[in-house]
Amino acid sequence: GINGKYYLSQPWFVRAGTMLYLGLGGDDLSTGGFGGNMALGYDLPAGKRNNLEFTLRADIAQLRSNTDKLTPIAGLRLAYNFNFRAR
């Protein structure tokens, strides 16, 4: 997927984007297409250059190839972000 991240105020941010997804069924590709996502997140400092990212996200995708219905998917993401640039 391709996402953009915008800081509302440090450390709160929103993220939105598009994604390409593929679904496997058995030994074959069963579905695929485009979807979208959006998220609200918080960066918690975990050192001078690194942080923990907490994100509440929502994706929308067509999960079955035999229907035109889009399915919303909600999730919580926890990530450890490394920053290697010199300050």
PDB file of N, CA and C in Angstrom:
ATOM      1  N   GLY A   1       0.811  -1.186   0.000  1.00  0.00           N
ATOM      2  CA  GLY A   1       0.000   0.000   0.000  1.00  0.00           C
ATOM      3  C   GLY A   1       0.855   1.250   0.000  1.00  0.00           C
ATOM      4  N   ILE A   2       0.218   2.355  -0.265  1.00  0.00           N
ATOM      5  CA  ILE A   2       0.851   3.666  -0.234  1.00  0.00           C
ATOM      6  C   ILE A   2       0.072   4.506   0.765  1.00  0.00           C
ATOM      7  N   ASN A   3       0.778   5.040   1.760  1.00  0.00           N
ATOM      8  CA  ASN A   3       0.148   5.811   2.828  1.00  0.00           C
ATOM      9  C   ASN A   3       0.808   7.162   2.989  1.00  0.00           C
ATOM     10  N   GLY A   4       0.044   8.093   3.498  1.00  0.00           N
ATOM     11  CA  GLY A   4       0.565   9.382   3.906  1.00  0.00           C
ATOM     12  C   GLY A   4       0.329   9.550   5.393  1.00  0.00           C
ATOM     13  N   LYS A   5       1.253  10.192   6.072  1.00  0.00           N
ATOM     14  CA  LYS A   5       1.172  10.381   7.518  1.00  0.00           C
ATOM     15  C   LYS A   5       1.235  11.875   7.803  1.00  0.00           C
ATOM     16  N   TYR A   6       0.292  12.371   8.612  1.00  0.00           N
ATOM     17  CA  TYR A   6       0.227  13.788   8.944  1.00  0.00           C
ATOM     18  C   TYR A   6       0.132  13.926  10.462  1.00  0.00           C
ATOM     19  N   TYR A   7       1.036  14.717  11.047  1.00  0.00           N
ATOM     20  CA  TYR A   7       1.023  14.946  12.485  1.00  0.00           C
ATOM     21  C   TYR A   7       0.062  16.082  12.804  1.00  0.00           C
ATOM     22  N   LEU A   8      -0.991  15.767  13.581  1.00  0.00           N
ATOM     23  CA  LEU A   8      -1.941  16.781  14.036  1.00  0.00           C
ATOM     24  C   LEU A   8      -1.255  17.697  15.031  1.00  0.00           C
ATOM     25  N   SER A   9      -0.593  17.115  15.991  1.00  0.00           N
ATOM     26  CA  SER A   9       0.290  17.772  16.942  1.00  0.00           C
ATOM     27  C   SER A   9       1.148  16.658  17.511  1.00  0.00           C
ATOM     28  N   GLN A  10       2.401  16.936  17.721  1.00  0.00           N
ATOM     29  CA  GLN A  10       3.325  15.912  18.192  1.00  0.00           C
ATOM     30  C   GLN A  10       2.821  15.393  19.530  1.00  0.00           C
ATOM     31  N   PRO A  11       2.615  14.169  19.771  1.00  0.00           N
ATOM     32  CA  PRO A  11       2.934  12.942  19.052  1.00  0.00           C
ATOM     33  C   PRO A  11       1.750  12.301  18.327  1.00  0.00           C
ATOM     34  N   TRP A  12       0.599  12.980  18.172  1.00  0.00           N
ATOM     35  CA  TRP A  12      -0.589  12.420  17.529  1.00  0.00           C
ATOM     36  C   TRP A  12      -0.525  12.586  16.014  1.00  0.00           C
ATOM     37  N   PHE A  13      -0.957  11.563  15.285  1.00  0.00           N
ATOM     38  CA  PHE A  13      -0.954  11.634  13.824  1.00  0.00           C
ATOM     39  C   PHE A  13      -2.147  10.888  13.244  1.00  0.00           C
ATOM     40  N   VAL A  14      -2.439  11.189  11.986  1.00  0.00           N
ATOM     41  CA  VAL A  14      -3.421  10.439  11.201  1.00  0.00           C
ATOM     42  C   VAL A  14      -2.699   9.902   9.981  1.00  0.00           C
ATOM     43  N   ARG A  15      -3.213   8.816   9.467  1.00  0.00           N
ATOM     44  CA  ARG A  15      -2.624   8.181   8.292  1.00  0.00           C
ATOM     45  C   ARG A  15      -3.754   7.728   7.384  1.00  0.00           C
ATOM     46  N   ALA A  16      -3.588   7.858   6.087  1.00  0.00           N
ATOM     47  CA  ALA A  16      -4.580   7.409   5.116  1.00  0.00           C
ATOM     48  C   ALA A  16      -3.857   6.937   3.867  1.00  0.00           C
ATOM     49  N   GLY A  17      -4.497   6.022   3.152  1.00  0.00           N
ATOM     50  CA  GLY A  17      -3.858   5.546   1.937  1.00  0.00           C
ATOM     51  C   GLY A  17      -4.676   4.510   1.204  1.00  0.00           C
ATOM     52  N   THR A  18      -4.044   3.916   0.240  1.00  0.00           N
ATOM     53  CA  THR A  18      -4.644   2.883  -0.588  1.00  0.00           C
ATOM     54  C   THR A  18      -3.790   1.637  -0.513  1.00  0.00           C
ATOM     55  N   MET A  19      -4.370   0.495  -0.877  1.00  0.00           N
ATOM     56  CA  MET A  19      -3.615  -0.748  -0.816  1.00  0.00           C
ATOM     57  C   MET A  19      -4.054  -1.692  -1.916  1.00  0.00           C
ATOM     58  N   LEU A  20      -3.166  -2.551  -2.296  1.00  0.00           N
ATOM     59  CA  LEU A  20      -3.436  -3.663  -3.195  1.00  0.00           C
ATOM     60  C   LEU A  20      -3.400  -4.911  -2.329  1.00  0.00           C
ATOM     61  N   TYR A  21      -4.410  -5.746  -2.422  1.00  0.00           N
ATOM     62  CA  TYR A  21      -4.442  -6.943  -1.591  1.00  0.00           C
ATOM     63  C   TYR A  21      -4.688  -8.174  -2.436  1.00  0.00           C
ATOM     64  N   LEU A  22      -4.209  -9.292  -1.953  1.00  0.00           N
ATOM     65  CA  LEU A  22      -4.381 -10.599  -2.600  1.00  0.00           C
ATOM     66  C   LEU A  22      -4.874 -11.576  -1.555  1.00  0.00           C
ATOM     67  N   GLY A  23      -5.842 -12.412  -1.937  1.00  0.00           N
ATOM     68  CA  GLY A  23      -6.363 -13.424  -1.029  1.00  0.00           C
ATOM     69  C   GLY A  23      -6.085 -14.805  -1.577  1.00  0.00           C
ATOM     70  N   LEU A  24      -5.578 -15.665  -0.732  1.00  0.00           N
ATOM     71  CA  LEU A  24      -5.262 -17.032  -1.140  1.00  0.00           C
ATOM     72  C   LEU A  24      -6.323 -17.980  -0.609  1.00  0.00           C
ATOM     73  N   GLY A  25      -6.685 -18.948  -1.414  1.00  0.00           N
ATOM     74  CA  GLY A  25      -7.639 -19.975  -1.005  1.00  0.00           C
ATOM     75  C   GLY A  25      -7.161 -21.326  -1.489  1.00  0.00           C
ATOM     76  N   GLY A  26      -6.856 -22.217  -0.572  1.00  0.00           N
ATOM     77  CA  GLY A  26      -6.304 -23.509  -0.964  1.00  0.00           C
ATOM     78  C   GLY A  26      -4.917 -23.324  -1.525  1.00  0.00           C
ATOM     79  N   ASP A  27      -4.705 -23.748  -2.756  1.00  0.00           N
ATOM     80  CA  ASP A  27      -3.408 -23.608  -3.413  1.00  0.00           C
ATOM     81  C   ASP A  27      -3.420 -22.553  -4.505  1.00  0.00           C
ATOM     82  N   ASP A  28      -4.448 -21.717  -4.536  1.00  0.00           N
ATOM     83  CA  ASP A  28      -4.605 -20.780  -5.639  1.00  0.00           C
ATOM     84  C   ASP A  28      -5.004 -19.406  -5.118  1.00  0.00           C
ATOM     85  N   LEU A  29      -4.866 -18.419  -5.979  1.00  0.00           N
ATOM     86  CA  LEU A  29      -5.289 -17.058  -5.679  1.00  0.00           C
ATOM     87  C   LEU A  29      -6.808 -16.994  -5.802  1.00  0.00           C
ATOM     88  N   SER A  30      -7.502 -16.581  -4.728  1.00  0.00           N
ATOM     89  CA  SER A  30      -8.958 -16.593  -4.769  1.00  0.00           C
ATOM     90  C   SER A  30      -9.565 -15.209  -4.973  1.00  0.00           C
ATOM     91  N   THR A  31      -8.878 -14.162  -4.573  1.00  0.00           N
ATOM     92  CA  THR A  31      -9.415 -12.817  -4.756  1.00  0.00           C
ATOM     93  C   THR A  31      -8.276 -11.798  -4.733  1.00  0.00           C
ATOM     94  N   GLY A  32      -8.560 -10.619  -5.148  1.00  0.00           N
ATOM     95  CA  GLY A  32      -7.586  -9.540  -5.130  1.00  0.00           C
ATOM     96  C   GLY A  32      -8.244  -8.256  -5.576  1.00  0.00           C
ATOM     97  N   GLY A  33      -7.626  -7.152  -5.293  1.00  0.00           N
ATOM     98  CA  GLY A  33      -8.162  -5.873  -5.706  1.00  0.00           C
ATOM     99  C   GLY A  33      -7.530  -4.734  -4.946  1.00  0.00           C
ATOM    100  N   PHE A  34      -8.222  -3.600  -4.992  1.00  0.00           N
ATOM    101  CA  PHE A  34      -7.757  -2.403  -4.312  1.00  0.00           C
ATOM    102  C   PHE A  34      -8.648  -2.119  -3.112  1.00  0.00           C
ATOM    103  N   GLY A  35      -8.091  -1.504  -2.112  1.00  0.00           N
ATOM    104  CA  GLY A  35      -8.834  -1.115  -0.922  1.00  0.00           C
ATOM    105  C   GLY A  35      -8.249   0.172  -0.375  1.00  0.00           C
ATOM    106  N   GLY A  36      -8.744   0.575   0.757  1.00  0.00           N
ATOM    107  CA  GLY A  36      -8.259   1.793   1.385  1.00  0.00           C
ATOM    108  C   GLY A  36      -8.071   1.588   2.872  1.00  0.00           C
ATOM    109  N   ASN A  37      -7.364   2.514   3.493  1.00  0.00           N
ATOM    110  CA  ASN A  37      -7.171   2.429   4.939  1.00  0.00           C
ATOM    111  C   ASN A  37      -6.993   3.821   5.523  1.00  0.00           C
ATOM    112  N   MET A  38      -7.288   3.912   6.815  1.00  0.00           N
ATOM    113  CA  MET A  38      -7.053   5.142   7.564  1.00  0.00           C
ATOM    114  C   MET A  38      -6.748   4.752   8.998  1.00  0.00           C
ATOM    115  N   ALA A  39      -6.064   5.653   9.701  1.00  0.00           N
ATOM    116  CA  ALA A  39      -5.623   5.318  11.052  1.00  0.00           C
ATOM    117  C   ALA A  39      -5.434   6.583  11.877  1.00  0.00           C
ATOM    118  N   LEU A  40      -5.517   6.405  13.192  1.00  0.00           N
ATOM    119  CA  LEU A  40      -5.186   7.426  14.166  1.00  0.00           C
ATOM    120  C   LEU A  40      -4.105   6.822  15.045  1.00  0.00           C
ATOM    121  N   GLY A  41      -3.004   7.555  15.256  1.00  0.00           N
ATOM    122  CA  GLY A  41      -1.885   6.969  15.981  1.00  0.00           C
ATOM    123  C   GLY A  41      -1.237   7.914  16.970  1.00  0.00           C
ATOM    124  N   TYR A  42      -0.358   7.305  17.779  1.00  0.00           N
ATOM    125  CA  TYR A  42       0.376   8.007  18.824  1.00  0.00           C
ATOM    126  C   TYR A  42       1.803   7.474  18.849  1.00  0.00           C
ATOM    127  N   ASP A  43       2.793   8.356  18.824  1.00  0.00           N
ATOM    128  CA  ASP A  43       4.205   7.979  18.919  1.00  0.00           C
ATOM    129  C   ASP A  43       4.691   8.196  20.345  1.00  0.00           C
ATOM    130  N   LEU A  44       5.162   7.136  20.978  1.00  0.00           N
ATOM    131  CA  LEU A  44       5.703   7.200  22.334  1.00  0.00           C
ATOM    132  C   LEU A  44       7.216   7.081  22.250  1.00  0.00           C
ATOM    133  N   PRO A  45       7.976   8.104  22.672  1.00  0.00           N
ATOM    134  CA  PRO A  45       9.442   8.021  22.588  1.00  0.00           C
ATOM    135  C   PRO A  45       9.979   6.828  23.375  1.00  0.00           C
ATOM    136  N   ALA A  46      10.933   6.117  22.756  1.00  0.00           N
ATOM    137  CA  ALA A  46      11.564   4.948  23.395  1.00  0.00           C
ATOM    138  C   ALA A  46      13.073   5.099  23.397  1.00  0.00           C
ATOM    139  N   GLY A  47      13.564   6.301  23.387  1.00  0.00           N
ATOM    140  CA  GLY A  47      14.986   6.600  23.336  1.00  0.00           C
ATOM    141  C   GLY A  47      15.178   7.911  22.610  1.00  0.00           C
ATOM    142  N   LYS A  48      16.446   8.267  22.351  1.00  0.00           N
ATOM    143  CA  LYS A  48      16.727   9.538  21.671  1.00  0.00           C
ATOM    144  C   LYS A  48      16.250   9.542  20.228  1.00  0.00           C
ATOM    145  N   ARG A  49      16.310   8.399  19.542  1.00  0.00           N
ATOM    146  CA  ARG A  49      15.970   8.351  18.122  1.00  0.00           C
ATOM    147  C   ARG A  49      14.829   7.402  17.781  1.00  0.00           C
ATOM    148  N   ASN A  50      14.396   6.558  18.677  1.00  0.00           N
ATOM    149  CA  ASN A  50      13.412   5.528  18.371  1.00  0.00           C
ATOM    150  C   ASN A  50      12.107   5.802  19.106  1.00  0.00           C
ATOM    151  N   ASN A  51      11.021   5.178  18.621  1.00  0.00           N
ATOM    152  CA  ASN A  51       9.747   5.331  19.286  1.00  0.00           C
ATOM    153  C   ASN A  51       8.876   4.089  19.116  1.00  0.00           C
ATOM    154  N   LEU A  52       7.900   3.989  19.994  1.00  0.00           N
ATOM    155  CA  LEU A  52       6.847   2.989  19.864  1.00  0.00           C
ATOM    156  C   LEU A  52       5.659   3.685  19.212  1.00  0.00           C
ATOM    157  N   GLU A  53       5.078   3.037  18.219  1.00  0.00           N
ATOM    158  CA  GLU A  53       3.936   3.608  17.519  1.00  0.00           C
ATOM    159  C   GLU A  53       2.702   2.759  17.815  1.00  0.00           C
ATOM    160  N   PHE A  54       1.676   3.384  18.377  1.00  0.00           N
ATOM    161  CA  PHE A  54       0.391   2.741  18.615  1.00  0.00           C
ATOM    162  C   PHE A  54      -0.584   3.282  17.582  1.00  0.00           C
ATOM    163  N   THR A  55      -1.220   2.417  16.834  1.00  0.00           N
ATOM    164  CA  THR A  55      -2.110   2.853  15.772  1.00  0.00           C
ATOM    165  C   THR A  55      -3.424   2.083  15.824  1.00  0.00           C
ATOM    166  N   LEU A  56      -4.536   2.818  15.829  1.00  0.00           N
ATOM    167  CA  LEU A  56      -5.860   2.235  15.676  1.00  0.00           C
ATOM    168  C   LEU A  56      -6.234   2.457  14.225  1.00  0.00           C
ATOM    169  N   ARG A  57      -6.460   1.367  13.491  1.00  0.00           N
ATOM    170  CA  ARG A  57      -6.615   1.487  12.045  1.00  0.00           C
ATOM    171  C   ARG A  57      -7.875   0.816  11.547  1.00  0.00           C
ATOM    172  N   ALA A  58      -8.322   1.238  10.379  1.00  0.00           N
ATOM    173  CA  ALA A  58      -9.467   0.643   9.707  1.00  0.00           C
ATOM    174  C   ALA A  58      -9.114   0.474   8.231  1.00  0.00           C
ATOM    175  N   ASP A  59      -9.315  -0.732   7.729  1.00  0.00           N
ATOM    176  CA  ASP A  59      -9.108  -1.040   6.315  1.00  0.00           C
ATOM    177  C   ASP A  59     -10.455  -1.393   5.703  1.00  0.00           C
ATOM    178  N   ILE A  60     -10.584  -1.200   4.408  1.00  0.00           N
ATOM    179  CA  ILE A  60     -11.775  -1.625   3.700  1.00  0.00           C
ATOM    180  C   ILE A  60     -11.324  -2.387   2.462  1.00  0.00           C
ATOM    181  N   ALA A  61     -11.857  -3.610   2.292  1.00  0.00           N
ATOM    182  CA  ALA A  61     -11.424  -4.467   1.190  1.00  0.00           C
ATOM    183  C   ALA A  61     -12.546  -5.428   0.827  1.00  0.00           C
ATOM    184  N   GLN A  62     -12.519  -5.914  -0.393  1.00  0.00           N
ATOM    185  CA  GLN A  62     -13.454  -6.943  -0.844  1.00  0.00           C
ATOM    186  C   GLN A  62     -12.795  -8.294  -0.568  1.00  0.00           C
ATOM    187  N   LEU A  63     -13.326  -9.043   0.401  1.00  0.00           N
ATOM    188  CA  LEU A  63     -12.666 -10.261   0.855  1.00  0.00           C
ATOM    189  C   LEU A  63     -13.025 -11.500   0.038  1.00  0.00           C
ATOM    190  N   ARG A  64     -14.134 -11.472  -0.664  1.00  0.00           N
ATOM    191  CA  ARG A  64     -14.532 -12.631  -1.473  1.00  0.00           C
ATOM    192  C   ARG A  64     -14.714 -12.191  -2.917  1.00  0.00           C
ATOM    193  N   SER A  65     -14.298 -13.034  -3.846  1.00  0.00           N
ATOM    194  CA  SER A  65     -14.372 -12.664  -5.259  1.00  0.00           C
ATOM    195  C   SER A  65     -15.786 -12.806  -5.815  1.00  0.00           C
ATOM    196  N   ASN A  66     -16.693 -13.496  -5.125  1.00  0.00           N
ATOM    197  CA  ASN A  66     -18.037 -13.711  -5.661  1.00  0.00           C
ATOM    198  C   ASN A  66     -19.057 -12.690  -5.165  1.00  0.00           C
ATOM    199  N   THR A  67     -18.601 -11.598  -4.593  1.00  0.00           N
ATOM    200  CA  THR A  67     -19.504 -10.547  -4.118  1.00  0.00           C
ATOM    201  C   THR A  67     -18.888  -9.175  -4.389  1.00  0.00           C
ATOM    202  N   ASP A  68     -19.759  -8.173  -4.450  1.00  0.00           N
ATOM    203  CA  ASP A  68     -19.288  -6.797  -4.653  1.00  0.00           C
ATOM    204  C   ASP A  68     -19.226  -6.032  -3.339  1.00  0.00           C
ATOM    205  N   LYS A  69     -19.483  -6.707  -2.215  1.00  0.00           N
ATOM    206  CA  LYS A  69     -19.500  -6.044  -0.916  1.00  0.00           C
ATOM    207  C   LYS A  69     -18.085  -5.772  -0.425  1.00  0.00           C
ATOM    208  N   LEU A  70     -17.897  -4.575   0.096  1.00  0.00           N
ATOM    209  CA  LEU A  70     -16.638  -4.225   0.743  1.00  0.00           C
ATOM    210  C   LEU A  70     -16.763  -4.515   2.229  1.00  0.00           C
ATOM    211  N   THR A  71     -15.709  -5.036   2.829  1.00  0.00           N
ATOM    212  CA  THR A  71     -15.713  -5.417   4.235  1.00  0.00           C
ATOM    213  C   THR A  71     -14.781  -4.503   5.022  1.00  0.00           C
ATOM    214  N   PRO A  72     -15.287  -3.861   6.081  1.00  0.00           N
ATOM    215  CA  PRO A  72     -14.401  -3.072   6.939  1.00  0.00           C
ATOM    216  C   PRO A  72     -13.661  -3.994   7.916  1.00  0.00           C
ATOM    217  N   ILE A  73     -12.405  -3.681   8.166  1.00  0.00           N
ATOM    218  CA  ILE A  73     -11.565  -4.450   9.081  1.00  0.00           C
ATOM    219  C   ILE A  73     -10.902  -3.453  10.025  1.00  0.00           C
ATOM    220  N   ALA A  74     -11.055  -3.661  11.320  1.00  0.00           N
ATOM    221  CA  ALA A  74     -10.447  -2.771  12.307  1.00  0.00           C
ATOM    222  C   ALA A  74      -9.307  -3.502  12.998  1.00  0.00           C
ATOM    223  N   GLY A  75      -8.279  -2.756  13.378  1.00  0.00           N
ATOM    224  CA  GLY A  75      -7.148  -3.386  14.046  1.00  0.00           C
ATOM    225  C   GLY A  75      -6.354  -2.405  14.877  1.00  0.00           C
ATOM    226  N   LEU A  76      -5.533  -2.958  15.742  1.00  0.00           N
ATOM    227  CA  LEU A  76      -4.621  -2.185  16.569  1.00  0.00           C
ATOM    228  C   LEU A  76      -3.209  -2.632  16.217  1.00  0.00           C
ATOM    229  N   ARG A  77      -2.347  -1.690  15.951  1.00  0.00           N
ATOM    230  CA  ARG A  77      -0.979  -1.996  15.543  1.00  0.00           C
ATOM    231  C   ARG A  77      -0.012  -1.409  16.553  1.00  0.00           C
ATOM    232  N   LEU A  78       0.998  -2.189  16.892  1.00  0.00           N
ATOM    233  CA  LEU A  78       2.094  -1.733  17.742  1.00  0.00           C
ATOM    234  C   LEU A  78       3.379  -1.953  16.957  1.00  0.00           C
ATOM    235  N   ALA A  79       4.147  -0.898  16.762  1.00  0.00           N
ATOM    236  CA  ALA A  79       5.384  -0.998  15.986  1.00  0.00           C
ATOM    237  C   ALA A  79       6.511  -0.285  16.721  1.00  0.00           C
ATOM    238  N   TYR A  80       7.722  -0.796  16.571  1.00  0.00           N
ATOM    239  CA  TYR A  80       8.920  -0.143  17.095  1.00  0.00           C
ATOM    240  C   TYR A  80       9.634   0.488  15.910  1.00  0.00           C
ATOM    241  N   ASN A  81       9.747   1.803  15.906  1.00  0.00           N
ATOM    242  CA  ASN A  81      10.352   2.525  14.787  1.00  0.00           C
ATOM    243  C   ASN A  81      11.793   2.886  15.112  1.00  0.00           C
ATOM    244  N   PHE A  82      12.685   2.547  14.171  1.00  0.00           N
ATOM    245  CA  PHE A  82      14.108   2.886  14.267  1.00  0.00           C
ATOM    246  C   PHE A  82      14.369   4.131  13.455  1.00  0.00           C
ATOM    247  N   ASN A  83      15.205   5.005  13.924  1.00  0.00           N
ATOM    248  CA  ASN A  83      15.615   6.183  13.187  1.00  0.00           C
ATOM    249  C   ASN A  83      17.139   6.161  13.129  1.00  0.00           C
ATOM    250  N   PHE A  84      17.699   5.969  11.929  1.00  0.00           N
ATOM    251  CA  PHE A  84      19.143   5.827  11.763  1.00  0.00           C
ATOM    252  C   PHE A  84      19.844   7.114  11.345  1.00  0.00           C
ATOM    253  N   ARG A  85      19.123   8.198  11.137  1.00  0.00           N
ATOM    254  CA  ARG A  85      19.788   9.413  10.683  1.00  0.00           C
ATOM    255  C   ARG A  85      20.492  10.113  11.848  1.00  0.00           C
ATOM    256  N   ALA A  86      21.541  10.805  11.532  1.00  0.00           N
ATOM    257  CA  ALA A  86      22.310  11.527  12.546  1.00  0.00           C
ATOM    258  C   ALA A  86      21.587  12.813  12.922  1.00  0.00           C
ATOM    259  N   ARG A  87      21.654  13.178  14.163  1.00  0.00           N
ATOM    260  CA  ARG A  87      21.018  14.426  14.610  1.00  0.00           C
ATOM    261  C   ARG A  87      22.048  15.398  15.070  1.00  0.00           C
TER     262      ARG A  87
END
